[in-house]
């Protein structure tokens, strides 16, 4: 029998086949996995940087708010912008956060009363929380500088839970401009 390939040619042939197989496997399987891994590492790095910024902001929240209050006077809450629905909703959200209740739904209603001196805006608010948190919320709401008052209030217990569901109808008096 005649040898088709010599020993050296067989070695070169098998080495070439091995390199081709490795290149195909690398390009079809390994390279996409490595690329995806690099993308995920970049996303993790970016999210860690964001988280570090958020943690810094959370740690310095009080100092930032003090500096911010120097530039935004309290009059902006009770002055011309008082009738703004967004400001009122924002104030209600802040009161809820400071009281420890969770707002489920908040909806401004149509203006009910209007006279030459004032107008009354109504806001429907639904929330969850404990009795103590509701007491804090009601106290803070009644003492708010934005002239908020509770017109209707209903609390109901959730079955098999210590949280209570509350429904408020809140009134705000504003200057009619």
N, C-alpha and C. Protein backbone atom coordinates (compact mmCIF):
# COMPACT_ATOMS: atom_id res chain seq x y z
N UNK A 1 0.82 -1.16 0.00
CA UNK A 1 0.00 0.00 0.00
C UNK A 1 0.89 1.25 0.00
N UNK A 2 0.41 2.22 -0.74
CA UNK A 2 1.20 3.43 -0.87
C UNK A 2 0.73 4.43 0.18
N UNK A 3 1.72 5.03 0.83
CA UNK A 3 1.38 6.05 1.81
C UNK A 3 0.95 7.30 1.05
N UNK A 4 -0.20 7.82 1.43
CA UNK A 4 -0.69 9.03 0.77
C UNK A 4 -0.02 10.25 1.38
N UNK A 5 0.04 10.28 2.72
CA UNK A 5 0.63 11.42 3.40
C UNK A 5 1.79 10.95 4.27
N UNK A 6 2.79 11.76 4.29
CA UNK A 6 3.92 11.44 5.16
C UNK A 6 3.56 11.85 6.59
N UNK A 7 4.43 11.48 7.51
CA UNK A 7 4.20 11.78 8.91
C UNK A 7 4.14 13.29 9.14
N UNK A 8 5.01 14.00 8.54
CA UNK A 8 5.05 15.46 8.68
C UNK A 8 3.80 16.09 8.07
N UNK A 9 3.35 15.61 6.93
CA UNK A 9 2.16 16.14 6.28
C UNK A 9 0.91 15.86 7.11
N UNK A 10 0.85 14.66 7.74
CA UNK A 10 -0.27 14.34 8.63
C UNK A 10 -0.31 15.31 9.80
N UNK A 11 0.85 15.61 10.39
CA UNK A 11 0.92 16.54 11.51
C UNK A 11 0.43 17.91 11.09
N UNK A 12 0.84 18.39 9.94
CA UNK A 12 0.39 19.69 9.43
C UNK A 12 -1.10 19.65 9.13
N UNK A 13 -1.58 18.57 8.57
CA UNK A 13 -3.00 18.43 8.25
C UNK A 13 -3.86 18.47 9.51
N UNK A 14 -3.49 17.67 10.52
CA UNK A 14 -4.27 17.64 11.76
C UNK A 14 -4.17 18.97 12.52
N UNK A 15 -3.02 19.59 12.46
CA UNK A 15 -2.88 20.90 13.11
C UNK A 15 -3.77 21.93 12.42
N UNK A 16 -3.81 21.91 11.11
CA UNK A 16 -4.65 22.84 10.36
C UNK A 16 -6.13 22.61 10.66
N UNK A 17 -6.55 21.36 10.67
CA UNK A 17 -7.94 21.01 10.99
C UNK A 17 -8.27 21.48 12.41
N UNK A 18 -7.36 21.25 13.36
CA UNK A 18 -7.57 21.67 14.74
C UNK A 18 -7.72 23.19 14.85
N UNK A 19 -6.86 23.92 14.14
CA UNK A 19 -6.94 25.39 14.17
C UNK A 19 -8.27 25.86 13.57
N UNK A 20 -8.69 25.24 12.48
CA UNK A 20 -9.97 25.61 11.85
C UNK A 20 -11.13 25.32 12.80
N UNK A 21 -11.15 24.17 13.42
CA UNK A 21 -12.22 23.81 14.37
C UNK A 21 -12.22 24.78 15.54
N UNK A 22 -11.03 25.07 16.08
CA UNK A 22 -10.93 26.01 17.20
C UNK A 22 -11.46 27.39 16.79
N UNK A 23 -11.11 27.85 15.58
CA UNK A 23 -11.56 29.17 15.12
C UNK A 23 -13.08 29.20 14.98
N UNK A 24 -13.66 28.14 14.45
CA UNK A 24 -15.11 28.07 14.29
C UNK A 24 -15.79 28.07 15.67
N UNK A 25 -15.31 27.22 16.57
CA UNK A 25 -15.89 27.15 17.92
C UNK A 25 -15.73 28.49 18.63
N UNK A 26 -14.56 29.10 18.51
CA UNK A 26 -14.32 30.38 19.18
C UNK A 26 -15.26 31.46 18.65
N UNK A 27 -15.37 31.55 17.32
CA UNK A 27 -16.19 32.60 16.72
C UNK A 27 -17.70 32.37 16.92
N UNK A 28 -18.12 31.12 16.98
CA UNK A 28 -19.55 30.84 17.12
C UNK A 28 -20.01 30.78 18.58
N UNK A 29 -19.15 30.39 19.49
CA UNK A 29 -19.59 30.18 20.87
C UNK A 29 -18.88 31.07 21.88
N UNK A 30 -17.58 31.05 21.87
CA UNK A 30 -16.82 31.73 22.92
C UNK A 30 -16.84 33.24 22.76
N UNK A 31 -16.63 33.76 21.56
CA UNK A 31 -16.59 35.21 21.34
C UNK A 31 -17.90 35.89 21.72
N UNK A 32 -19.08 35.36 21.33
CA UNK A 32 -20.33 36.01 21.75
C UNK A 32 -20.52 36.00 23.27
N UNK A 33 -20.13 34.93 23.92
CA UNK A 33 -20.24 34.86 25.37
C UNK A 33 -19.34 35.90 26.02
N UNK A 34 -18.12 36.02 25.52
CA UNK A 34 -17.18 37.01 26.08
C UNK A 34 -17.69 38.43 25.83
N UNK A 35 -18.27 38.67 24.65
CA UNK A 35 -18.80 39.99 24.34
C UNK A 35 -19.97 40.34 25.27
N UNK A 36 -20.85 39.37 25.46
CA UNK A 36 -21.98 39.60 26.36
C UNK A 36 -21.49 39.82 27.78
N UNK A 37 -20.48 39.08 28.19
CA UNK A 37 -19.91 39.24 29.53
C UNK A 37 -19.33 40.64 29.69
N UNK A 38 -18.63 41.14 28.68
CA UNK A 38 -18.08 42.50 28.73
C UNK A 38 -19.19 43.55 28.83
N UNK A 39 -20.27 43.36 28.05
CA UNK A 39 -21.40 44.29 28.12
C UNK A 39 -22.04 44.28 29.51
N UNK A 40 -22.22 43.10 30.07
CA UNK A 40 -22.80 43.00 31.41
C UNK A 40 -21.89 43.63 32.46
N UNK A 41 -20.59 43.44 32.32
CA UNK A 41 -19.65 44.08 33.25
C UNK A 41 -19.72 45.60 33.15
N UNK A 42 -19.86 46.13 31.92
CA UNK A 42 -20.01 47.57 31.75
C UNK A 42 -21.29 48.08 32.41
N UNK A 43 -22.39 47.34 32.25
CA UNK A 43 -23.65 47.72 32.88
C UNK A 43 -23.53 47.69 34.41
N UNK A 44 -22.87 46.67 34.94
CA UNK A 44 -22.67 46.58 36.38
C UNK A 44 -21.85 47.77 36.87
N UNK A 45 -20.80 48.10 36.14
CA UNK A 45 -19.95 49.24 36.53
C UNK A 45 -20.75 50.54 36.54
N UNK A 46 -21.56 50.77 35.48
CA UNK A 46 -22.37 51.97 35.42
C UNK A 46 -23.39 52.02 36.55
N UNK A 47 -24.03 50.88 36.82
CA UNK A 47 -25.03 50.84 37.89
C UNK A 47 -24.39 51.03 39.25
N UNK A 48 -23.18 50.54 39.44
CA UNK A 48 -22.47 50.77 40.70
C UNK A 48 -22.15 52.25 40.88
N UNK A 49 -21.76 52.91 39.79
CA UNK A 49 -21.48 54.34 39.86
C UNK A 49 -22.75 55.12 40.19
N UNK A 50 -23.86 54.75 39.55
CA UNK A 50 -25.13 55.40 39.86
C UNK A 50 -25.51 55.17 41.32
N UNK A 51 -25.37 53.93 41.79
CA UNK A 51 -25.70 53.61 43.16
C UNK A 51 -24.83 54.40 44.14
N UNK A 52 -23.56 54.54 43.82
CA UNK A 52 -22.67 55.33 44.69
C UNK A 52 -23.14 56.78 44.73
N UNK A 53 -23.56 57.33 43.58
CA UNK A 53 -24.08 58.70 43.56
C UNK A 53 -25.36 58.81 44.37
N UNK A 54 -26.25 57.84 44.23
CA UNK A 54 -27.51 57.86 44.97
C UNK A 54 -27.25 57.74 46.47
N UNK A 55 -26.31 56.90 46.86
CA UNK A 55 -25.98 56.76 48.28
C UNK A 55 -25.42 58.07 48.82
N UNK A 56 -24.57 58.74 48.02
CA UNK A 56 -24.02 60.02 48.46
C UNK A 56 -25.14 61.04 48.63
N UNK A 57 -26.08 61.07 47.67
CA UNK A 57 -27.21 61.99 47.77
C UNK A 57 -28.08 61.68 48.99
N UNK A 58 -28.30 60.38 49.25
CA UNK A 58 -29.11 60.00 50.40
C UNK A 58 -28.43 60.39 51.71
N UNK A 59 -27.11 60.22 51.79
CA UNK A 59 -26.38 60.59 53.00
C UNK A 59 -26.40 62.09 53.23
N UNK A 60 -26.35 62.86 52.16
CA UNK A 60 -26.27 64.31 52.26
C UNK A 60 -27.61 64.99 51.99
N UNK A 61 -28.70 64.26 52.14
CA UNK A 61 -30.02 64.78 51.82
C UNK A 61 -30.35 66.04 52.62
N UNK A 62 -30.11 66.00 53.92
CA UNK A 62 -30.45 67.15 54.77
C UNK A 62 -29.64 68.38 54.39
N UNK A 63 -28.35 68.21 54.16
CA UNK A 63 -27.51 69.34 53.78
C UNK A 63 -27.93 69.91 52.44
N UNK A 64 -28.28 69.05 51.50
CA UNK A 64 -28.72 69.50 50.18
C UNK A 64 -30.03 70.25 50.29
N UNK A 65 -30.95 69.74 51.12
CA UNK A 65 -32.23 70.42 51.28
C UNK A 65 -32.05 71.78 51.95
N UNK A 66 -31.13 71.89 52.91
CA UNK A 66 -30.87 73.18 53.55
C UNK A 66 -30.34 74.19 52.53
N UNK A 67 -29.40 73.74 51.69
CA UNK A 67 -28.85 74.63 50.67
C UNK A 67 -29.92 74.99 49.64
N UNK A 68 -30.75 74.04 49.30
CA UNK A 68 -31.82 74.28 48.33
C UNK A 68 -32.83 75.27 48.88
N UNK A 69 -33.15 75.17 50.17
CA UNK A 69 -34.14 76.06 50.76
C UNK A 69 -33.66 77.50 50.78
N UNK A 70 -32.34 77.73 50.75
CA UNK A 70 -31.82 79.09 50.66
C UNK A 70 -32.17 79.73 49.33
N UNK A 71 -32.22 78.92 48.27
CA UNK A 71 -32.49 79.45 46.93
C UNK A 71 -33.97 79.48 46.60
N UNK A 72 -34.76 78.59 47.21
CA UNK A 72 -36.20 78.53 46.96
C UNK A 72 -36.89 78.94 48.25
N UNK A 73 -37.43 80.15 48.31
CA UNK A 73 -38.05 80.61 49.55
C UNK A 73 -39.34 79.86 49.85
N UNK A 74 -39.75 79.92 51.11
CA UNK A 74 -40.99 79.27 51.56
C UNK A 74 -42.18 79.88 50.85
N UNK A 75 -42.07 81.13 50.41
CA UNK A 75 -43.17 81.79 49.70
C UNK A 75 -43.59 81.04 48.46
N UNK A 76 -42.66 80.26 47.89
CA UNK A 76 -43.03 79.51 46.68
C UNK A 76 -44.07 78.45 46.99
N UNK A 77 -44.14 78.02 48.25
CA UNK A 77 -45.16 77.04 48.63
C UNK A 77 -46.49 77.73 48.89
N UNK A 78 -46.44 78.91 49.50
CA UNK A 78 -47.68 79.56 49.90
C UNK A 78 -48.02 80.78 49.06
N UNK A 79 -47.19 81.15 48.12
CA UNK A 79 -47.41 82.37 47.33
C UNK A 79 -48.24 82.12 46.10
N UNK A 80 -47.80 82.69 44.98
CA UNK A 80 -48.56 82.65 43.74
C UNK A 80 -48.76 81.24 43.23
N UNK A 81 -47.79 80.36 43.48
CA UNK A 81 -47.86 79.00 42.95
C UNK A 81 -48.72 78.10 43.83
N UNK A 82 -49.34 78.65 44.84
CA UNK A 82 -50.10 77.85 45.80
C UNK A 82 -51.22 77.08 45.13
N UNK A 83 -51.85 77.68 44.12
CA UNK A 83 -52.96 77.02 43.47
C UNK A 83 -52.54 75.89 42.56
N UNK A 84 -51.26 75.73 42.34
CA UNK A 84 -50.80 74.69 41.43
C UNK A 84 -51.09 73.30 41.96
N UNK A 85 -51.73 72.52 41.16
CA UNK A 85 -52.07 71.16 41.56
C UNK A 85 -50.82 70.33 41.79
N UNK A 86 -49.80 70.55 40.99
CA UNK A 86 -48.57 69.77 41.13
C UNK A 86 -47.92 70.04 42.47
N UNK A 87 -47.91 71.31 42.88
CA UNK A 87 -47.32 71.64 44.18
C UNK A 87 -48.09 70.99 45.32
N UNK A 88 -49.41 70.98 45.21
CA UNK A 88 -50.24 70.37 46.25
C UNK A 88 -50.01 68.87 46.31
N UNK A 89 -49.97 68.22 45.15
CA UNK A 89 -49.74 66.78 45.12
C UNK A 89 -48.35 66.45 45.67
N UNK A 90 -47.38 67.28 45.33
CA UNK A 90 -46.03 67.09 45.84
C UNK A 90 -45.99 67.23 47.36
N UNK A 91 -46.69 68.22 47.87
CA UNK A 91 -46.76 68.42 49.33
C UNK A 91 -47.41 67.22 50.01
N UNK A 92 -48.48 66.70 49.42
CA UNK A 92 -49.15 65.52 50.00
C UNK A 92 -48.22 64.31 49.99
N UNK A 93 -47.47 64.13 48.91
CA UNK A 93 -46.53 63.02 48.85
C UNK A 93 -45.45 63.16 49.92
N UNK A 94 -44.94 64.37 50.11
CA UNK A 94 -43.93 64.60 51.15
C UNK A 94 -44.49 64.32 52.54
N UNK A 95 -45.70 64.77 52.79
CA UNK A 95 -46.32 64.51 54.09
C UNK A 95 -46.50 63.01 54.32
N UNK A 96 -46.89 62.29 53.27
CA UNK A 96 -47.08 60.84 53.39
C UNK A 96 -45.76 60.15 53.66
N UNK A 97 -44.71 60.54 52.97
CA UNK A 97 -43.39 59.92 53.16
C UNK A 97 -42.90 60.17 54.58
N UNK A 98 -43.02 61.41 55.05
CA UNK A 98 -42.56 61.73 56.40
C UNK A 98 -43.41 61.05 57.48
N UNK A 99 -44.65 60.72 57.15
CA UNK A 99 -45.52 60.05 58.11
C UNK A 99 -45.42 58.54 58.05
N UNK A 100 -44.83 58.01 57.00
CA UNK A 100 -44.65 56.57 56.87
C UNK A 100 -45.83 55.85 56.25
N UNK A 101 -46.69 56.55 55.54
CA UNK A 101 -47.77 55.86 54.84
C UNK A 101 -47.45 55.78 53.36
N UNK A 102 -48.03 54.80 52.70
CA UNK A 102 -47.77 54.56 51.28
C UNK A 102 -49.00 54.98 50.48
N UNK A 103 -48.80 55.91 49.55
CA UNK A 103 -49.91 56.37 48.72
C UNK A 103 -50.16 55.34 47.62
N UNK A 104 -51.39 54.91 47.52
CA UNK A 104 -51.77 53.96 46.48
C UNK A 104 -52.30 54.70 45.26
N UNK A 105 -53.15 55.71 45.50
CA UNK A 105 -53.76 56.45 44.40
C UNK A 105 -54.00 57.88 44.87
N UNK A 106 -53.73 58.81 44.00
CA UNK A 106 -53.97 60.23 44.31
C UNK A 106 -54.51 60.88 43.05
N UNK A 107 -55.68 61.53 43.18
CA UNK A 107 -56.32 62.12 42.01
C UNK A 107 -56.92 63.48 42.37
N UNK A 108 -56.54 64.50 41.63
CA UNK A 108 -57.19 65.80 41.83
C UNK A 108 -58.62 65.75 41.28
N UNK A 109 -59.54 66.39 41.98
CA UNK A 109 -60.94 66.45 41.54
C UNK A 109 -61.20 67.82 40.94
N UNK A 110 -62.39 68.01 40.43
CA UNK A 110 -62.77 69.30 39.86
C UNK A 110 -62.90 70.34 40.96
N UNK A 111 -62.67 71.59 40.63
CA UNK A 111 -62.82 72.70 41.56
C UNK A 111 -64.29 72.76 41.98
N UNK A 112 -64.53 72.78 43.30
CA UNK A 112 -65.92 72.72 43.75
C UNK A 112 -66.50 74.10 44.03
N UNK A 113 -65.87 74.86 44.90
CA UNK A 113 -66.41 76.17 45.24
C UNK A 113 -65.47 77.23 44.73
N UNK A 114 -66.06 78.31 44.29
CA UNK A 114 -65.23 79.42 43.87
C UNK A 114 -65.98 80.70 44.19
N UNK A 115 -65.31 81.59 44.86
CA UNK A 115 -65.90 82.90 45.12
C UNK A 115 -64.90 83.93 44.65
N UNK A 116 -65.20 85.18 44.90
CA UNK A 116 -64.30 86.24 44.46
C UNK A 116 -62.97 86.20 45.18
N UNK A 117 -62.90 85.61 46.37
CA UNK A 117 -61.69 85.64 47.16
C UNK A 117 -60.87 84.35 47.10
N UNK A 118 -61.54 83.25 46.98
CA UNK A 118 -60.82 81.99 47.02
C UNK A 118 -61.48 80.95 46.13
N UNK A 119 -60.74 79.85 45.90
CA UNK A 119 -61.32 78.68 45.25
C UNK A 119 -60.87 77.46 46.04
N UNK A 120 -61.68 76.44 45.99
CA UNK A 120 -61.41 75.23 46.74
C UNK A 120 -61.16 74.08 45.78
N UNK A 121 -60.00 73.46 45.91
CA UNK A 121 -59.65 72.30 45.09
C UNK A 121 -59.75 71.05 45.96
N UNK A 122 -60.26 69.97 45.39
CA UNK A 122 -60.39 68.71 46.11
C UNK A 122 -59.44 67.68 45.53
N UNK A 123 -58.89 66.86 46.43
CA UNK A 123 -57.97 65.80 46.03
C UNK A 123 -58.43 64.51 46.71
N UNK A 124 -58.57 63.47 45.92
CA UNK A 124 -58.93 62.15 46.43
C UNK A 124 -57.64 61.36 46.61
N UNK A 125 -57.40 60.86 47.83
CA UNK A 125 -56.15 60.17 48.14
C UNK A 125 -56.47 58.83 48.80
N UNK A 126 -55.83 57.78 48.33
CA UNK A 126 -55.96 56.45 48.93
C UNK A 126 -54.57 56.00 49.34
N UNK A 127 -54.49 55.43 50.56
CA UNK A 127 -53.17 55.09 51.09
C UNK A 127 -53.26 53.84 51.97
N UNK A 128 -52.07 53.31 52.32
CA UNK A 128 -51.94 52.18 53.24
C UNK A 128 -50.96 52.56 54.33
N UNK A 129 -51.22 52.09 55.53
CA UNK A 129 -50.29 52.36 56.62
C UNK A 129 -50.87 51.88 57.94
N UNK A 130 -50.12 52.14 59.00
CA UNK A 130 -50.58 51.78 60.34
C UNK A 130 -51.35 52.94 60.94
N UNK A 131 -52.04 52.69 62.04
CA UNK A 131 -52.83 53.72 62.70
C UNK A 131 -51.95 54.88 63.17
N UNK A 132 -50.78 54.55 63.71
CA UNK A 132 -49.87 55.60 64.17
C UNK A 132 -49.42 56.47 63.01
N UNK A 133 -49.12 55.86 61.87
CA UNK A 133 -48.69 56.61 60.69
C UNK A 133 -49.81 57.51 60.17
N UNK A 134 -51.05 57.02 60.22
CA UNK A 134 -52.17 57.86 59.81
C UNK A 134 -52.33 59.06 60.75
N UNK A 135 -52.12 58.84 62.03
CA UNK A 135 -52.22 59.95 63.00
C UNK A 135 -51.16 61.02 62.68
N UNK A 136 -49.93 60.58 62.38
CA UNK A 136 -48.88 61.54 62.02
C UNK A 136 -49.26 62.28 60.74
N UNK A 137 -49.78 61.54 59.77
CA UNK A 137 -50.15 62.15 58.49
C UNK A 137 -51.24 63.20 58.68
N UNK A 138 -52.27 62.86 59.44
CA UNK A 138 -53.37 63.80 59.66
C UNK A 138 -52.87 65.04 60.39
N UNK A 139 -52.04 64.84 61.40
CA UNK A 139 -51.49 65.97 62.14
C UNK A 139 -50.67 66.88 61.23
N UNK A 140 -49.77 66.28 60.45
CA UNK A 140 -48.92 67.06 59.54
C UNK A 140 -49.74 67.76 58.46
N UNK A 141 -50.78 67.09 57.98
CA UNK A 141 -51.63 67.67 56.95
C UNK A 141 -52.39 68.87 57.48
N UNK A 142 -52.94 68.76 58.66
CA UNK A 142 -53.71 69.85 59.26
C UNK A 142 -52.82 71.04 59.61
N UNK A 143 -51.53 70.80 59.86
CA UNK A 143 -50.60 71.88 60.22
C UNK A 143 -49.76 72.34 59.04
N UNK A 144 -50.11 71.91 57.85
CA UNK A 144 -49.35 72.27 56.66
C UNK A 144 -49.56 73.74 56.32
N UNK A 145 -48.54 74.35 55.72
CA UNK A 145 -48.61 75.75 55.31
C UNK A 145 -49.42 75.95 54.03
N UNK A 146 -49.83 74.88 53.41
CA UNK A 146 -50.51 74.95 52.12
C UNK A 146 -52.03 74.99 52.28
N UNK A 147 -52.51 75.12 53.50
CA UNK A 147 -53.95 75.19 53.78
C UNK A 147 -54.70 73.96 53.29
N UNK A 148 -54.28 72.81 53.74
CA UNK A 148 -54.95 71.55 53.41
C UNK A 148 -55.85 71.16 54.57
N UNK A 149 -57.03 70.68 54.25
CA UNK A 149 -57.97 70.21 55.27
C UNK A 149 -58.60 68.90 54.80
N UNK A 150 -58.94 68.07 55.75
CA UNK A 150 -59.59 66.79 55.44
C UNK A 150 -61.09 67.00 55.48
N UNK A 151 -61.75 66.72 54.35
CA UNK A 151 -63.20 66.85 54.30
C UNK A 151 -63.88 65.51 54.61
N UNK A 152 -63.27 64.43 54.15
CA UNK A 152 -63.85 63.10 54.39
C UNK A 152 -62.69 62.13 54.60
N UNK A 153 -62.90 61.19 55.50
CA UNK A 153 -61.82 60.29 55.88
C UNK A 153 -62.44 58.94 56.25
N UNK A 154 -61.87 57.87 55.70
CA UNK A 154 -62.37 56.53 56.00
C UNK A 154 -61.20 55.57 56.08
N UNK A 155 -61.16 54.79 57.16
CA UNK A 155 -60.12 53.78 57.34
C UNK A 155 -60.80 52.43 57.41
N UNK A 156 -60.23 51.45 56.72
CA UNK A 156 -60.74 50.09 56.80
C UNK A 156 -59.57 49.13 56.97
N UNK A 157 -59.80 48.08 57.73
CA UNK A 157 -58.76 47.09 58.00
C UNK A 157 -58.71 46.09 56.85
N UNK A 158 -57.50 45.67 56.53
CA UNK A 158 -57.32 44.63 55.53
C UNK A 158 -57.39 43.28 56.24
N UNK A 159 -58.01 42.29 55.63
CA UNK A 159 -58.09 40.98 56.29
C UNK A 159 -56.70 40.36 56.45
N UNK A 160 -56.44 39.79 57.61
CA UNK A 160 -55.19 39.10 57.94
C UNK A 160 -53.96 39.98 57.74
N UNK A 161 -54.07 41.26 58.06
CA UNK A 161 -52.95 42.17 57.91
C UNK A 161 -53.03 43.27 58.96
N UNK A 162 -51.87 43.78 59.33
CA UNK A 162 -51.86 44.87 60.31
C UNK A 162 -51.96 46.23 59.65
N UNK A 163 -51.88 46.28 58.31
CA UNK A 163 -51.99 47.57 57.63
C UNK A 163 -53.45 47.95 57.44
N UNK A 164 -53.68 49.23 57.40
CA UNK A 164 -55.02 49.78 57.20
C UNK A 164 -55.06 50.51 55.87
N UNK A 165 -56.23 50.46 55.24
CA UNK A 165 -56.43 51.22 54.02
C UNK A 165 -57.20 52.49 54.36
N UNK A 166 -56.72 53.60 53.86
CA UNK A 166 -57.37 54.86 54.15
C UNK A 166 -57.79 55.56 52.88
N UNK A 167 -58.94 56.22 52.94
CA UNK A 167 -59.44 57.02 51.82
C UNK A 167 -59.71 58.42 52.35
N UNK A 168 -59.10 59.42 51.72
CA UNK A 168 -59.22 60.81 52.15
C UNK A 168 -59.81 61.64 51.03
N UNK A 169 -60.60 62.61 51.38
CA UNK A 169 -60.98 63.68 50.47
C UNK A 169 -60.41 64.95 51.09
N UNK A 170 -59.41 65.51 50.44
CA UNK A 170 -58.66 66.62 51.00
C UNK A 170 -59.01 67.89 50.23
N UNK A 171 -59.21 68.96 50.97
CA UNK A 171 -59.57 70.24 50.41
C UNK A 171 -58.39 71.20 50.54
N UNK A 172 -58.19 72.03 49.51
CA UNK A 172 -57.18 73.06 49.57
C UNK A 172 -57.80 74.38 49.13
N UNK A 173 -57.63 75.39 49.96
CA UNK A 173 -58.11 76.72 49.63
C UNK A 173 -56.97 77.51 49.01
N UNK A 174 -57.26 78.16 47.88
CA UNK A 174 -56.26 78.97 47.20
C UNK A 174 -56.86 80.31 46.82
N UNK A 175 -56.00 81.27 46.58
CA UNK A 175 -56.45 82.57 46.09
C UNK A 175 -56.99 82.40 44.68
N UNK A 176 -58.09 83.08 44.40
CA UNK A 176 -58.57 83.05 43.01
C UNK A 176 -57.95 84.23 42.30
N UNK A 177 -57.17 83.95 41.27
CA UNK A 177 -56.46 85.01 40.54
C UNK A 177 -57.18 85.34 39.27
